[in-house]
């Protein structure tokens, strides 16, 4: 649907987290195991049993193109979600990276490791990975791309990654967009940003 043809002249940007990846999502690991898990997770594609909700499919069914990071789990999610749309892969939309903190003798489930790693990343722990400042700049550049397409088409969707989607969302809010929904750690989570 062309939102401009209806006289709304509203830009709509839909940020969608990928579906469940084809990897165990909560195994218990030590810090060495978590380091390996990060690499395995980055390589994992979409779990074939992870289908997008019908209401999400309805939300994007009219789109001619959908952006994605190109990571297997995001690209395959976009393909399942919008099978008729052109997929535009851009590594700019990749997830903000994590590094395994060296905490010996500790075994935790992967989601807890991810929380610890994300907190340490914000505090400056970035051995060999992109830091917060660079990721924030990348989020601003990602927002520029999405806004340019939304100006042309009226609406655009990105199927990418939870934390980086939230970073893009913060940029959009600063630029005057209103948010519907919330960024949650949930597969197929969608948040809509709109601005006249």
C-alpha atoms as a PDB file:
ATOM      1  CA  UNK A   1       0.000   0.000   0.000  1.00  0.00           C
ATOM      2  CA  UNK A   2       1.357   3.408  -0.962  1.00  0.00           C
ATOM      3  CA  UNK A   3       0.853   5.493   2.175  1.00  0.00           C
ATOM      4  CA  UNK A   4       1.556   8.687   0.204  1.00  0.00           C
ATOM      5  CA  UNK A   5      -1.237   7.904  -2.250  1.00  0.00           C
ATOM      6  CA  UNK A   6      -3.649   8.005   0.684  1.00  0.00           C
ATOM      7  CA  UNK A   7      -2.460  11.514   1.537  1.00  0.00           C
ATOM      8  CA  UNK A   8      -0.907  10.440   4.836  1.00  0.00           C
ATOM      9  CA  UNK A   9       2.696  11.405   3.936  1.00  0.00           C
ATOM     10  CA  UNK A  10       3.845   9.394   6.944  1.00  0.00           C
ATOM     11  CA  UNK A  11       7.204   7.632   6.948  1.00  0.00           C
ATOM     12  CA  UNK A  12       6.983   4.194   8.539  1.00  0.00           C
ATOM     13  CA  UNK A  13      10.048   2.129   9.490  1.00  0.00           C
ATOM     14  CA  UNK A  14       9.501  -1.396  10.822  1.00  0.00           C
ATOM     15  CA  UNK A  15      12.395  -2.932  12.755  1.00  0.00           C
ATOM     16  CA  UNK A  16      12.064  -6.719  13.081  1.00  0.00           C
ATOM     17  CA  UNK A  17      14.243  -9.155  14.971  1.00  0.00           C
ATOM     18  CA  UNK A  18      15.039 -12.374  13.122  1.00  0.00           C
ATOM     19  CA  UNK A  19      13.379 -15.697  13.950  1.00  0.00           C
ATOM     20  CA  UNK A  20      14.859 -18.367  16.219  1.00  0.00           C
ATOM     21  CA  UNK A  21      18.250 -19.497  14.899  1.00  0.00           C
ATOM     22  CA  UNK A  22      19.036 -23.145  14.238  1.00  0.00           C
ATOM     23  CA  UNK A  23      21.179 -23.507  17.348  1.00  0.00           C
ATOM     24  CA  UNK A  24      20.484 -24.279  20.983  1.00  0.00           C
ATOM     25  CA  UNK A  25      19.729 -20.905  22.560  1.00  0.00           C
ATOM     26  CA  UNK A  26      20.381 -21.469  26.272  1.00  0.00           C
ATOM     27  CA  UNK A  27      23.163 -24.015  26.827  1.00  0.00           C
ATOM     28  CA  UNK A  28      25.351 -23.724  29.924  1.00  0.00           C
ATOM     29  CA  UNK A  29      28.918 -22.662  29.071  1.00  0.00           C
ATOM     30  CA  UNK A  30      32.153 -21.505  30.656  1.00  0.00           C
ATOM     31  CA  UNK A  31      33.831 -18.417  29.176  1.00  0.00           C
ATOM     32  CA  UNK A  32      35.752 -20.479  26.576  1.00  0.00           C
ATOM     33  CA  UNK A  33      32.520 -22.179  25.548  1.00  0.00           C
ATOM     34  CA  UNK A  34      30.722 -18.849  25.296  1.00  0.00           C
ATOM     35  CA  UNK A  35      33.474 -17.520  23.010  1.00  0.00           C
ATOM     36  CA  UNK A  36      32.918 -20.491  20.663  1.00  0.00           C
ATOM     37  CA  UNK A  37      29.146 -20.118  20.965  1.00  0.00           C
ATOM     38  CA  UNK A  38      29.284 -16.503  19.743  1.00  0.00           C
ATOM     39  CA  UNK A  39      30.913 -17.694  16.491  1.00  0.00           C
ATOM     40  CA  UNK A  40      28.465 -20.590  16.104  1.00  0.00           C
ATOM     41  CA  UNK A  41      25.503 -18.274  16.678  1.00  0.00           C
ATOM     42  CA  UNK A  42      26.777 -15.831  14.049  1.00  0.00           C
ATOM     43  CA  UNK A  43      26.956 -18.664  11.498  1.00  0.00           C
ATOM     44  CA  UNK A  44      23.571 -20.219  12.348  1.00  0.00           C
ATOM     45  CA  UNK A  45      20.690 -19.950   9.930  1.00  0.00           C
ATOM     46  CA  UNK A  46      16.985 -19.843  10.733  1.00  0.00           C
ATOM     47  CA  UNK A  47      15.418 -22.789  12.553  1.00  0.00           C
ATOM     48  CA  UNK A  48      12.997 -24.250   9.971  1.00  0.00           C
ATOM     49  CA  UNK A  49      10.356 -24.567  12.718  1.00  0.00           C
ATOM     50  CA  UNK A  50      10.490 -20.825  13.486  1.00  0.00           C
ATOM     51  CA  UNK A  51       7.667 -19.238  11.496  1.00  0.00           C
ATOM     52  CA  UNK A  52       6.785 -15.539  11.619  1.00  0.00           C
ATOM     53  CA  UNK A  53       3.433 -14.594  13.186  1.00  0.00           C
ATOM     54  CA  UNK A  54       0.626 -14.009  10.687  1.00  0.00           C
ATOM     55  CA  UNK A  55       0.109 -10.401  11.822  1.00  0.00           C
ATOM     56  CA  UNK A  56       3.779  -9.681  11.080  1.00  0.00           C
ATOM     57  CA  UNK A  57       3.447 -11.195   7.609  1.00  0.00           C
ATOM     58  CA  UNK A  58       0.407  -8.985   7.017  1.00  0.00           C
ATOM     59  CA  UNK A  59       2.403  -5.930   8.111  1.00  0.00           C
ATOM     60  CA  UNK A  60       5.079  -6.407   5.431  1.00  0.00           C
ATOM     61  CA  UNK A  61       3.205  -8.200   2.633  1.00  0.00           C
ATOM     62  CA  UNK A  62       2.886  -5.057   0.466  1.00  0.00           C
ATOM     63  CA  UNK A  63       6.586  -4.162   0.603  1.00  0.00           C
ATOM     64  CA  UNK A  64       8.574  -4.452  -2.620  1.00  0.00           C
ATOM     65  CA  UNK A  65      11.876  -4.676  -0.717  1.00  0.00           C
ATOM     66  CA  UNK A  66      13.089  -5.609   2.756  1.00  0.00           C
ATOM     67  CA  UNK A  67      16.493  -4.763   4.228  1.00  0.00           C
ATOM     68  CA  UNK A  68      18.545  -7.346   6.105  1.00  0.00           C
ATOM     69  CA  UNK A  69      22.010  -7.625   7.596  1.00  0.00           C
ATOM     70  CA  UNK A  70      22.899 -10.554   5.373  1.00  0.00           C
ATOM     71  CA  UNK A  71      23.670 -12.783   8.373  1.00  0.00           C
ATOM     72  CA  UNK A  72      22.110 -16.185   7.704  1.00  0.00           C
ATOM     73  CA  UNK A  73      19.532 -16.008  10.500  1.00  0.00           C
ATOM     74  CA  UNK A  74      18.394 -12.522   9.414  1.00  0.00           C
ATOM     75  CA  UNK A  75      18.491 -13.131   5.658  1.00  0.00           C
ATOM     76  CA  UNK A  76      16.577 -16.417   5.921  1.00  0.00           C
ATOM     77  CA  UNK A  77      14.063 -14.777   8.285  1.00  0.00           C
ATOM     78  CA  UNK A  78      13.445 -11.982   5.773  1.00  0.00           C
ATOM     79  CA  UNK A  79      12.981 -14.524   2.976  1.00  0.00           C
ATOM     80  CA  UNK A  80      10.393 -16.481   4.975  1.00  0.00           C
ATOM     81  CA  UNK A  81       8.643 -13.320   6.167  1.00  0.00           C
ATOM     82  CA  UNK A  82       8.419 -11.559   2.800  1.00  0.00           C
ATOM     83  CA  UNK A  83       8.963 -14.190   0.065  1.00  0.00           C
ATOM     84  CA  UNK A  84       7.959 -11.855  -2.792  1.00  0.00           C
ATOM     85  CA  UNK A  85      10.057  -8.888  -1.700  1.00  0.00           C
ATOM     86  CA  UNK A  86      13.512  -8.038  -2.944  1.00  0.00           C
ATOM     87  CA  UNK A  87      16.012  -8.641  -0.130  1.00  0.00           C
ATOM     88  CA  UNK A  88      18.608  -5.902   0.257  1.00  0.00           C
ATOM     89  CA  UNK A  89      21.486  -7.230   2.360  1.00  0.00           C
ATOM     90  CA  UNK A  90      23.873  -4.739   3.926  1.00  0.00           C
ATOM     91  CA  UNK A  91      26.503  -5.617   6.573  1.00  0.00           C
ATOM     92  CA  UNK A  92      25.886  -2.172   8.093  1.00  0.00           C
ATOM     93  CA  UNK A  93      22.801  -3.744   9.767  1.00  0.00           C
ATOM     94  CA  UNK A  94      24.810  -6.496  11.551  1.00  0.00           C
ATOM     95  CA  UNK A  95      24.347  -6.985  15.279  1.00  0.00           C
ATOM     96  CA  UNK A  96      26.460  -4.961  17.712  1.00  0.00           C
ATOM     97  CA  UNK A  97      29.171  -7.492  18.593  1.00  0.00           C
ATOM     98  CA  UNK A  98      29.901  -9.267  21.853  1.00  0.00           C
ATOM     99  CA  UNK A  99      33.146 -10.628  23.279  1.00  0.00           C
ATOM    100  CA  UNK A 100      33.370 -13.359  25.882  1.00  0.00           C
ATOM    101  CA  UNK A 101      34.605 -11.929  29.197  1.00  0.00           C
ATOM    102  CA  UNK A 102      37.411 -13.942  30.774  1.00  0.00           C
ATOM    103  CA  UNK A 103      35.771 -15.065  33.983  1.00  0.00           C
ATOM    104  CA  UNK A 104      37.294 -18.440  34.937  1.00  0.00           C
ATOM    105  CA  UNK A 105      35.474 -21.142  36.920  1.00  0.00           C
ATOM    106  CA  UNK A 106      32.072 -19.694  36.080  1.00  0.00           C
ATOM    107  CA  UNK A 107      29.442 -21.623  34.112  1.00  0.00           C
ATOM    108  CA  UNK A 108      26.248 -19.862  33.090  1.00  0.00           C
ATOM    109  CA  UNK A 109      23.553 -20.185  30.495  1.00  0.00           C
ATOM    110  CA  UNK A 110      24.293 -18.298  27.289  1.00  0.00           C
ATOM    111  CA  UNK A 111      21.623 -15.571  27.824  1.00  0.00           C
ATOM    112  CA  UNK A 112      23.266 -14.626  31.150  1.00  0.00           C
ATOM    113  CA  UNK A 113      26.690 -14.546  29.500  1.00  0.00           C
ATOM    114  CA  UNK A 114      25.207 -12.260  26.826  1.00  0.00           C
ATOM    115  CA  UNK A 115      23.915  -9.815  29.461  1.00  0.00           C
ATOM    116  CA  UNK A 116      27.295  -9.718  31.223  1.00  0.00           C
ATOM    117  CA  UNK A 117      29.125  -9.324  27.904  1.00  0.00           C
ATOM    118  CA  UNK A 118      26.791  -6.498  26.785  1.00  0.00           C
ATOM    119  CA  UNK A 119      27.253  -4.613  30.080  1.00  0.00           C
ATOM    120  CA  UNK A 120      31.024  -4.963  29.817  1.00  0.00           C
ATOM    121  CA  UNK A 121      30.882  -3.852  26.154  1.00  0.00           C
ATOM    122  CA  UNK A 122      29.141  -0.652  27.244  1.00  0.00           C
ATOM    123  CA  UNK A 123      31.832  -0.208  29.882  1.00  0.00           C
ATOM    124  CA  UNK A 124      34.531  -0.406  27.202  1.00  0.00           C
ATOM    125  CA  UNK A 125      35.414  -4.123  27.047  1.00  0.00           C
ATOM    126  CA  UNK A 126      35.903  -4.675  23.301  1.00  0.00           C
ATOM    127  CA  UNK A 127      38.885  -6.962  22.642  1.00  0.00           C
ATOM    128  CA  UNK A 128      39.183  -7.053  18.866  1.00  0.00           C
ATOM    129  CA  UNK A 129      35.567  -6.036  18.217  1.00  0.00           C
ATOM    130  CA  UNK A 130      33.682  -2.870  17.326  1.00  0.00           C
ATOM    131  CA  UNK A 131      33.127  -0.591  20.322  1.00  0.00           C
ATOM    132  CA  UNK A 132      29.963   1.181  21.409  1.00  0.00           C
ATOM    133  CA  UNK A 133      30.895   4.536  19.840  1.00  0.00           C
ATOM    134  CA  UNK A 134      31.469   2.997  16.409  1.00  0.00           C
ATOM    135  CA  UNK A 135      28.295   0.910  16.689  1.00  0.00           C
ATOM    136  CA  UNK A 136      26.327   4.051  17.580  1.00  0.00           C
ATOM    137  CA  UNK A 137      27.721   5.792  14.475  1.00  0.00           C
ATOM    138  CA  UNK A 138      26.775   2.746  12.402  1.00  0.00           C
ATOM    139  CA  UNK A 139      23.227   2.863  13.846  1.00  0.00           C
ATOM    140  CA  UNK A 140      22.953   6.484  12.722  1.00  0.00           C
ATOM    141  CA  UNK A 141      24.101   5.521   9.209  1.00  0.00           C
ATOM    142  CA  UNK A 142      21.588   2.642   9.208  1.00  0.00           C
ATOM    143  CA  UNK A 143      18.809   5.053  10.175  1.00  0.00           C
ATOM    144  CA  UNK A 144      19.834   7.317   7.270  1.00  0.00           C
ATOM    145  CA  UNK A 145      19.409   4.437   4.796  1.00  0.00           C
ATOM    146  CA  UNK A 146      16.033   3.395   6.203  1.00  0.00           C
ATOM    147  CA  UNK A 147      14.735   6.972   6.300  1.00  0.00           C
ATOM    148  CA  UNK A 148      15.787   7.587   2.681  1.00  0.00           C
ATOM    149  CA  UNK A 149      13.835   4.517   1.548  1.00  0.00           C
ATOM    150  CA  UNK A 150      10.836   5.439   3.728  1.00  0.00           C
ATOM    151  CA  UNK A 151      10.789   8.927   2.143  1.00  0.00           C
ATOM    152  CA  UNK A 152      10.618   7.304  -1.296  1.00  0.00           C
ATOM    153  CA  UNK A 153       8.248   4.414  -0.577  1.00  0.00           C
ATOM    154  CA  UNK A 154       6.319   5.550   2.495  1.00  0.00           C
ATOM    155  CA  UNK A 155       7.380   2.517   4.501  1.00  0.00           C
ATOM    156  CA  UNK A 156      10.317   0.168   4.824  1.00  0.00           C
ATOM    157  CA  UNK A 157      11.228  -2.890   6.897  1.00  0.00           C
ATOM    158  CA  UNK A 158      14.505  -4.165   8.284  1.00  0.00           C
ATOM    159  CA  UNK A 159      14.876  -7.772   9.431  1.00  0.00           C
ATOM    160  CA  UNK A 160      18.016  -7.776  11.546  1.00  0.00           C
ATOM    161  CA  UNK A 161      19.092  -8.131  15.165  1.00  0.00           C
ATOM    162  CA  UNK A 162      17.560  -7.244  18.497  1.00  0.00           C
ATOM    163  CA  UNK A 163      20.162  -5.019  20.109  1.00  0.00           C
ATOM    164  CA  UNK A 164      21.217  -3.180  16.964  1.00  0.00           C
ATOM    165  CA  UNK A 165      17.559  -2.638  16.042  1.00  0.00           C
ATOM    166  CA  UNK A 166      17.115  -0.966  19.435  1.00  0.00           C
ATOM    167  CA  UNK A 167      20.147   1.247  18.728  1.00  0.00           C
ATOM    168  CA  UNK A 168      18.606   2.293  15.399  1.00  0.00           C
ATOM    169  CA  UNK A 169      15.334   2.909  17.226  1.00  0.00           C
ATOM    170  CA  UNK A 170      17.011   5.325  19.635  1.00  0.00           C
ATOM    171  CA  UNK A 171      18.334   7.294  16.645  1.00  0.00           C
ATOM    172  CA  UNK A 172      14.862   7.396  15.081  1.00  0.00           C
ATOM    173  CA  UNK A 173      13.310   8.636  18.338  1.00  0.00           C
ATOM    174  CA  UNK A 174      15.861  11.454  18.488  1.00  0.00           C
ATOM    175  CA  UNK A 175      14.840  12.334  14.934  1.00  0.00           C
ATOM    176  CA  UNK A 176      11.197  12.736  15.873  1.00  0.00           C
ATOM    177  CA  UNK A 177       9.725   9.307  15.155  1.00  0.00           C
ATOM    178  CA  UNK A 178       6.951   7.914  17.348  1.00  0.00           C
ATOM    179  CA  UNK A 179       7.344   4.302  18.430  1.00  0.00           C
ATOM    180  CA  UNK A 180       4.705   1.579  18.542  1.00  0.00           C
ATOM    181  CA  UNK A 181       5.827  -1.557  20.369  1.00  0.00           C
ATOM    182  CA  UNK A 182       8.949  -2.208  22.381  1.00  0.00           C
ATOM    183  CA  UNK A 183      12.327  -3.766  21.701  1.00  0.00           C
ATOM    184  CA  UNK A 184      12.215  -7.112  23.492  1.00  0.00           C
ATOM    185  CA  UNK A 185      14.483 -10.126  23.556  1.00  0.00           C
ATOM    186  CA  UNK A 186      11.968 -12.115  21.536  1.00  0.00           C
ATOM    187  CA  UNK A 187      12.250 -13.697  18.111  1.00  0.00           C
ATOM    188  CA  UNK A 188      10.155 -12.027  15.388  1.00  0.00           C
ATOM    189  CA  UNK A 189       9.728  -8.960  17.625  1.00  0.00           C
ATOM    190  CA  UNK A 190       8.602  -5.953  15.559  1.00  0.00           C
ATOM    191  CA  UNK A 191       8.693  -2.276  16.491  1.00  0.00           C
ATOM    192  CA  UNK A 192       7.153   0.383  14.264  1.00  0.00           C
ATOM    193  CA  UNK A 193       8.476   3.947  13.987  1.00  0.00           C
ATOM    194  CA  UNK A 194       6.406   6.646  12.265  1.00  0.00           C
ATOM    195  CA  UNK A 195       6.914  10.314  11.486  1.00  0.00           C
ATOM    196  CA  UNK A 196       4.925  12.764   9.405  1.00  0.00           C
END
